[in-house]
Amino acid sequence: MNKLLGALLCTLATGAASAAPITYTIDPTHTFPSFEADHMGISVWRGKFNKTSGQVTLDKAKGSGTIDVTIDANSVDFGLDIMNDKAKSAELFDTAKYPHVRYKGKLDAFVNGAPTQVVGELTLHGVTKPVVLKVNSFKCIPHPMLKRDLCGADASASINRDDFGIDAGKPYGFKMDVALRIQVEAVQAP
């Protein structure tokens, strides 16, 4: 009996160690990158993007993975049409010239099987800069309807928008720091 149990445990350990990375497709109905930006030091403007796509690969056994996300900059949403139009203009995102925002990175610093950060690069307004996302929460579960793995995360970072060539309002005292908050869910690809 002990030999059988030992063989079974050895087989399970070998299977877990050789598990391949899993590819997940970002769920656009549960992923909304958002941001907070200063408005002359008197208030904070909050916005989000309504259209996001991309993929995540995750190798739980090795504690590694990647993310590649594309955001439709024209989907910017402040909840106010006049501000949405302003954000799309050449003064801010200039969506006619730069219709997409992209983030590519590696899942990193795994603790108890979950990444605690993503080390990557953000391409915004035609400029690519390193950005490290802090992963505030990360969890995978079986999707109750699709019966495939579902992973979700909440991540945050701060960027200086002036570094990306977006300096609207700077002469009026607008702070250039922007807080990023990213909620993301991704389903194992079929």
C-alpha atoms as a PDB file:
ATOM      1  CA  MET A   1       0.000   0.000   0.000  1.00  0.00           C
ATOM      2  CA  ASN A   2       2.803   2.440   0.885  1.00  0.00           C
ATOM      3  CA  LYS A   3       4.507   1.734  -2.469  1.00  0.00           C
ATOM      4  CA  LEU A   4       1.261   2.436  -4.311  1.00  0.00           C
ATOM      5  CA  LEU A   5       0.703   5.692  -2.409  1.00  0.00           C
ATOM      6  CA  GLY A   6       4.324   6.714  -3.023  1.00  0.00           C
ATOM      7  CA  ALA A   7       4.001   6.008  -6.751  1.00  0.00           C
ATOM      8  CA  LEU A   8       0.766   7.994  -6.924  1.00  0.00           C
ATOM      9  CA  LEU A   9       2.303  10.991  -5.122  1.00  0.00           C
ATOM     10  CA  CYS A  10       5.352  10.840  -7.395  1.00  0.00           C
ATOM     11  CA  THR A  11       3.097  10.797 -10.476  1.00  0.00           C
ATOM     12  CA  LEU A  12       1.089  13.781  -9.205  1.00  0.00           C
ATOM     13  CA  ALA A  13       4.251  15.735  -8.391  1.00  0.00           C
ATOM     14  CA  THR A  14       5.693  15.017 -11.835  1.00  0.00           C
ATOM     15  CA  GLY A  15       2.450  16.096 -13.525  1.00  0.00           C
ATOM     16  CA  ALA A  16       2.330  19.358 -11.570  1.00  0.00           C
ATOM     17  CA  ALA A  17       5.963  20.136 -12.321  1.00  0.00           C
ATOM     18  CA  SER A  18       5.482  19.632 -16.040  1.00  0.00           C
ATOM     19  CA  ALA A  19       2.226  21.588 -16.292  1.00  0.00           C
ATOM     20  CA  ALA A  20       2.285  23.864 -19.309  1.00  0.00           C
ATOM     21  CA  PRO A  21       1.461  27.553 -19.197  1.00  0.00           C
ATOM     22  CA  ILE A  22      -2.236  28.284 -19.662  1.00  0.00           C
ATOM     23  CA  THR A  23      -3.442  31.040 -21.976  1.00  0.00           C
ATOM     24  CA  TYR A  24      -6.304  33.238 -20.806  1.00  0.00           C
ATOM     25  CA  THR A  25      -8.329  35.697 -22.864  1.00  0.00           C
ATOM     26  CA  ILE A  26      -9.154  39.010 -21.221  1.00  0.00           C
ATOM     27  CA  ASP A  27     -12.883  39.335 -20.596  1.00  0.00           C
ATOM     28  CA  PRO A  28     -13.840  42.751 -22.040  1.00  0.00           C
ATOM     29  CA  THR A  29     -17.080  42.808 -20.027  1.00  0.00           C
ATOM     30  CA  HIS A  30     -15.207  42.513 -16.720  1.00  0.00           C
ATOM     31  CA  THR A  31     -12.063  44.568 -17.428  1.00  0.00           C
ATOM     32  CA  PHE A  32     -12.060  48.344 -17.038  1.00  0.00           C
ATOM     33  CA  PRO A  33      -8.721  50.129 -16.565  1.00  0.00           C
ATOM     34  CA  SER A  34      -9.368  53.375 -14.729  1.00  0.00           C
ATOM     35  CA  PHE A  35      -7.369  56.432 -13.750  1.00  0.00           C
ATOM     36  CA  GLU A  36      -7.449  59.446 -11.453  1.00  0.00           C
ATOM     37  CA  ALA A  37      -5.941  62.774 -12.462  1.00  0.00           C
ATOM     38  CA  ASP A  38      -5.632  66.157 -10.783  1.00  0.00           C
ATOM     39  CA  HIS A  39      -7.785  69.089 -11.875  1.00  0.00           C
ATOM     40  CA  MET A  40      -5.906  72.255 -10.812  1.00  0.00           C
ATOM     41  CA  GLY A  41      -5.402  70.888  -7.305  1.00  0.00           C
ATOM     42  CA  ILE A  42      -9.055  71.476  -6.461  1.00  0.00           C
ATOM     43  CA  SER A  43     -10.574  68.150  -7.476  1.00  0.00           C
ATOM     44  CA  VAL A  44      -9.728  64.725  -8.876  1.00  0.00           C
ATOM     45  CA  TRP A  45     -11.111  63.641 -12.227  1.00  0.00           C
ATOM     46  CA  ARG A  46     -11.804  59.946 -12.629  1.00  0.00           C
ATOM     47  CA  GLY A  47     -12.147  58.093 -15.907  1.00  0.00           C
ATOM     48  CA  LYS A  48     -12.036  54.611 -17.345  1.00  0.00           C
ATOM     49  CA  PHE A  49     -11.700  52.822 -20.647  1.00  0.00           C
ATOM     50  CA  ASN A  50     -14.646  50.709 -21.774  1.00  0.00           C
ATOM     51  CA  LYS A  51     -12.923  48.534 -24.417  1.00  0.00           C
ATOM     52  CA  THR A  52      -9.996  46.295 -23.546  1.00  0.00           C
ATOM     53  CA  SER A  53      -8.617  43.134 -25.151  1.00  0.00           C
ATOM     54  CA  GLY A  54      -5.619  40.898 -24.699  1.00  0.00           C
ATOM     55  CA  GLN A  55      -4.139  37.732 -23.304  1.00  0.00           C
ATOM     56  CA  VAL A  56      -2.493  36.459 -20.169  1.00  0.00           C
ATOM     57  CA  THR A  57      -0.320  33.372 -19.912  1.00  0.00           C
ATOM     58  CA  LEU A  58       0.132  31.802 -16.508  1.00  0.00           C
ATOM     59  CA  ASP A  59       2.295  28.908 -15.401  1.00  0.00           C
ATOM     60  CA  LYS A  60       1.148  28.305 -11.836  1.00  0.00           C
ATOM     61  CA  ALA A  61       3.697  25.531 -11.236  1.00  0.00           C
ATOM     62  CA  LYS A  62       6.677  27.683 -12.246  1.00  0.00           C
ATOM     63  CA  GLY A  63       5.326  30.947 -10.841  1.00  0.00           C
ATOM     64  CA  SER A  64       5.604  32.861 -14.092  1.00  0.00           C
ATOM     65  CA  GLY A  65       3.478  34.442 -16.759  1.00  0.00           C
ATOM     66  CA  THR A  66       2.956  37.318 -19.159  1.00  0.00           C
ATOM     67  CA  ILE A  67       0.281  39.851 -20.000  1.00  0.00           C
ATOM     68  CA  ASP A  68      -0.388  41.718 -23.228  1.00  0.00           C
ATOM     69  CA  VAL A  69      -3.294  44.172 -23.104  1.00  0.00           C
ATOM     70  CA  THR A  70      -4.586  46.624 -25.696  1.00  0.00           C
ATOM     71  CA  ILE A  71      -6.946  49.427 -24.710  1.00  0.00           C
ATOM     72  CA  ASP A  72      -9.107  51.305 -27.196  1.00  0.00           C
ATOM     73  CA  ALA A  73      -8.281  54.928 -26.312  1.00  0.00           C
ATOM     74  CA  ASN A  74     -11.496  56.075 -28.017  1.00  0.00           C
ATOM     75  CA  SER A  75     -13.458  54.231 -25.328  1.00  0.00           C
ATOM     76  CA  VAL A  76     -12.340  56.730 -22.665  1.00  0.00           C
ATOM     77  CA  ASP A  77     -15.252  57.528 -20.369  1.00  0.00           C
ATOM     78  CA  PHE A  78     -15.397  60.258 -17.735  1.00  0.00           C
ATOM     79  CA  GLY A  79     -19.183  60.021 -17.487  1.00  0.00           C
ATOM     80  CA  LEU A  80     -19.399  63.428 -19.180  1.00  0.00           C
ATOM     81  CA  ASP A  81     -19.549  63.737 -22.977  1.00  0.00           C
ATOM     82  CA  ILE A  82     -17.733  67.074 -23.172  1.00  0.00           C
ATOM     83  CA  MET A  83     -14.838  65.668 -21.120  1.00  0.00           C
ATOM     84  CA  ASN A  84     -14.759  62.481 -23.220  1.00  0.00           C
ATOM     85  CA  ASP A  85     -14.391  64.628 -26.361  1.00  0.00           C
ATOM     86  CA  LYS A  86     -11.647  66.684 -24.701  1.00  0.00           C
ATOM     87  CA  ALA A  87      -9.790  63.522 -23.653  1.00  0.00           C
ATOM     88  CA  LYS A  88      -9.856  62.223 -27.251  1.00  0.00           C
ATOM     89  CA  SER A  89      -8.525  65.517 -28.626  1.00  0.00           C
ATOM     90  CA  ALA A  90      -4.920  66.293 -29.572  1.00  0.00           C
ATOM     91  CA  GLU A  91      -4.547  68.081 -26.225  1.00  0.00           C
ATOM     92  CA  LEU A  92      -4.785  64.805 -24.283  1.00  0.00           C
ATOM     93  CA  PHE A  93      -4.882  61.247 -25.697  1.00  0.00           C
ATOM     94  CA  ASP A  94      -4.958  62.362 -29.362  1.00  0.00           C
ATOM     95  CA  THR A  95      -6.895  59.244 -30.336  1.00  0.00           C
ATOM     96  CA  ALA A  96      -6.880  60.144 -34.049  1.00  0.00           C
ATOM     97  CA  LYS A  97      -3.105  59.686 -34.012  1.00  0.00           C
ATOM     98  CA  TYR A  98      -2.781  57.184 -31.124  1.00  0.00           C
ATOM     99  CA  PRO A  99      -5.942  55.038 -31.057  1.00  0.00           C
ATOM    100  CA  HIS A 100      -4.535  52.383 -28.708  1.00  0.00           C
ATOM    101  CA  VAL A 101      -2.821  52.127 -25.347  1.00  0.00           C
ATOM    102  CA  ARG A 102      -0.819  48.944 -24.794  1.00  0.00           C
ATOM    103  CA  TYR A 103       0.718  47.276 -21.767  1.00  0.00           C
ATOM    104  CA  LYS A 104       3.023  44.263 -21.996  1.00  0.00           C
ATOM    105  CA  GLY A 105       4.622  42.728 -18.946  1.00  0.00           C
ATOM    106  CA  LYS A 106       5.736  39.721 -16.944  1.00  0.00           C
ATOM    107  CA  LEU A 107       3.947  38.472 -13.860  1.00  0.00           C
ATOM    108  CA  ASP A 108       6.500  38.587 -11.057  1.00  0.00           C
ATOM    109  CA  ALA A 109       7.242  38.134  -7.363  1.00  0.00           C
ATOM    110  CA  PHE A 110       4.854  35.211  -6.805  1.00  0.00           C
ATOM    111  CA  VAL A 111       3.736  34.546  -3.228  1.00  0.00           C
ATOM    112  CA  ASN A 112       1.611  31.475  -2.486  1.00  0.00           C
ATOM    113  CA  GLY A 113       1.060  30.903  -6.203  1.00  0.00           C
ATOM    114  CA  ALA A 114      -0.056  34.473  -6.996  1.00  0.00           C
ATOM    115  CA  PRO A 115       1.909  37.322  -8.602  1.00  0.00           C
ATOM    116  CA  THR A 116       2.383  40.432  -6.486  1.00  0.00           C
ATOM    117  CA  GLN A 117       3.543  42.651  -9.333  1.00  0.00           C
ATOM    118  CA  VAL A 118       3.773  42.959 -13.099  1.00  0.00           C
ATOM    119  CA  VAL A 119       6.974  44.354 -14.567  1.00  0.00           C
ATOM    120  CA  GLY A 120       6.328  45.769 -17.999  1.00  0.00           C
ATOM    121  CA  GLU A 121       6.093  48.619 -20.447  1.00  0.00           C
ATOM    122  CA  LEU A 122       3.218  50.983 -21.141  1.00  0.00           C
ATOM    123  CA  THR A 123       2.851  52.513 -24.598  1.00  0.00           C
ATOM    124  CA  LEU A 124       0.705  55.641 -24.360  1.00  0.00           C
ATOM    125  CA  HIS A 125       0.501  58.574 -26.760  1.00  0.00           C
ATOM    126  CA  GLY A 126       3.253  56.999 -28.891  1.00  0.00           C
ATOM    127  CA  VAL A 127       5.738  56.798 -25.998  1.00  0.00           C
ATOM    128  CA  THR A 128       6.849  53.563 -24.311  1.00  0.00           C
ATOM    129  CA  LYS A 129       8.031  53.662 -20.683  1.00  0.00           C
ATOM    130  CA  PRO A 130       8.574  51.039 -17.971  1.00  0.00           C
ATOM    131  CA  VAL A 131       5.654  50.721 -15.539  1.00  0.00           C
ATOM    132  CA  VAL A 132       5.457  48.296 -12.619  1.00  0.00           C
ATOM    133  CA  LEU A 133       1.954  47.371 -11.533  1.00  0.00           C
ATOM    134  CA  LYS A 134       1.375  46.375  -7.921  1.00  0.00           C
ATOM    135  CA  VAL A 135      -1.019  43.415  -7.799  1.00  0.00           C
ATOM    136  CA  ASN A 136      -3.305  44.127  -4.844  1.00  0.00           C
ATOM    137  CA  SER A 137      -5.326  40.940  -5.260  1.00  0.00           C
ATOM    138  CA  PHE A 138      -5.186  37.895  -7.532  1.00  0.00           C
ATOM    139  CA  LYS A 139      -7.364  34.806  -7.593  1.00  0.00           C
ATOM    140  CA  CYS A 140      -8.241  31.952  -9.930  1.00  0.00           C
ATOM    141  CA  ILE A 141     -11.393  29.821  -9.692  1.00  0.00           C
ATOM    142  CA  PRO A 142     -13.335  27.487 -11.971  1.00  0.00           C
ATOM    143  CA  HIS A 143     -15.741  29.640 -14.000  1.00  0.00           C
ATOM    144  CA  PRO A 144     -19.211  28.595 -12.799  1.00  0.00           C
ATOM    145  CA  MET A 145     -20.784  28.658 -16.277  1.00  0.00           C
ATOM    146  CA  LEU A 146     -17.932  28.075 -18.727  1.00  0.00           C
ATOM    147  CA  LYS A 147     -16.275  25.321 -16.638  1.00  0.00           C
ATOM    148  CA  ARG A 148     -12.825  26.716 -17.456  1.00  0.00           C
ATOM    149  CA  ASP A 149     -10.303  28.477 -15.251  1.00  0.00           C
ATOM    150  CA  LEU A 150     -11.099  32.127 -14.498  1.00  0.00           C
ATOM    151  CA  CYS A 151      -8.509  34.488 -13.018  1.00  0.00           C
ATOM    152  CA  GLY A 152      -8.973  38.028 -11.811  1.00  0.00           C
ATOM    153  CA  ALA A 153      -6.800  40.745 -10.371  1.00  0.00           C
ATOM    154  CA  ASP A 154      -6.810  44.265  -9.064  1.00  0.00           C
ATOM    155  CA  ALA A 155      -3.626  46.197  -9.815  1.00  0.00           C
ATOM    156  CA  SER A 156      -2.403  49.746  -9.355  1.00  0.00           C
ATOM    157  CA  ALA A 157       0.425  52.062 -10.334  1.00  0.00           C
ATOM    158  CA  SER A 158       1.246  55.724 -10.685  1.00  0.00           C
ATOM    159  CA  ILE A 159       2.611  57.340 -13.825  1.00  0.00           C
ATOM    160  CA  ASN A 160       3.696  60.839 -14.758  1.00  0.00           C
ATOM    161  CA  ARG A 161       1.628  61.742 -17.826  1.00  0.00           C
ATOM    162  CA  ASP A 162       4.157  64.394 -18.831  1.00  0.00           C
ATOM    163  CA  ASP A 163       6.633  61.514 -19.423  1.00  0.00           C
ATOM    164  CA  PHE A 164       4.243  60.305 -22.137  1.00  0.00           C
ATOM    165  CA  GLY A 165       3.907  63.725 -23.784  1.00  0.00           C
ATOM    166  CA  ILE A 166       0.517  64.554 -22.243  1.00  0.00           C
ATOM    167  CA  ASP A 167       1.063  67.802 -20.361  1.00  0.00           C
ATOM    168  CA  ALA A 168      -2.304  69.569 -20.775  1.00  0.00           C
ATOM    169  CA  GLY A 169      -2.965  71.905 -17.877  1.00  0.00           C
ATOM    170  CA  LYS A 170       0.638  71.928 -16.632  1.00  0.00           C
ATOM    171  CA  PRO A 171       0.960  75.735 -17.002  1.00  0.00           C
ATOM    172  CA  TYR A 172      -2.172  76.087 -14.823  1.00  0.00           C
ATOM    173  CA  GLY A 173      -0.720  73.982 -12.017  1.00  0.00           C
ATOM    174  CA  PHE A 174      -2.254  70.600 -12.860  1.00  0.00           C
ATOM    175  CA  LYS A 175      -0.241  67.817 -11.233  1.00  0.00           C
ATOM    176  CA  MET A 176       1.167  65.393 -13.781  1.00  0.00           C
ATOM    177  CA  ASP A 177       0.868  62.263 -11.602  1.00  0.00           C
ATOM    178  CA  VAL A 178      -1.923  59.897 -12.588  1.00  0.00           C
ATOM    179  CA  ALA A 179      -3.097  57.010 -10.423  1.00  0.00           C
ATOM    180  CA  LEU A 180      -3.935  53.868 -12.391  1.00  0.00           C
ATOM    181  CA  ARG A 181      -6.379  51.257 -11.103  1.00  0.00           C
ATOM    182  CA  ILE A 182      -6.865  48.170 -13.205  1.00  0.00           C
ATOM    183  CA  GLN A 183      -9.495  45.523 -12.638  1.00  0.00           C
ATOM    184  CA  VAL A 184      -9.082  42.563 -14.942  1.00  0.00           C
ATOM    185  CA  GLU A 185     -10.672  39.184 -15.434  1.00  0.00           C
ATOM    186  CA  ALA A 186      -9.513  36.564 -17.920  1.00  0.00           C
ATOM    187  CA  VAL A 187     -10.926  33.171 -18.887  1.00  0.00           C
ATOM    188  CA  GLN A 188      -8.884  30.172 -19.940  1.00  0.00           C
ATOM    189  CA  ALA A 189      -8.905  29.991 -23.727  1.00  0.00           C
ATOM    190  CA  PRO A 190     -10.897  27.019 -25.091  1.00  0.00           C
END
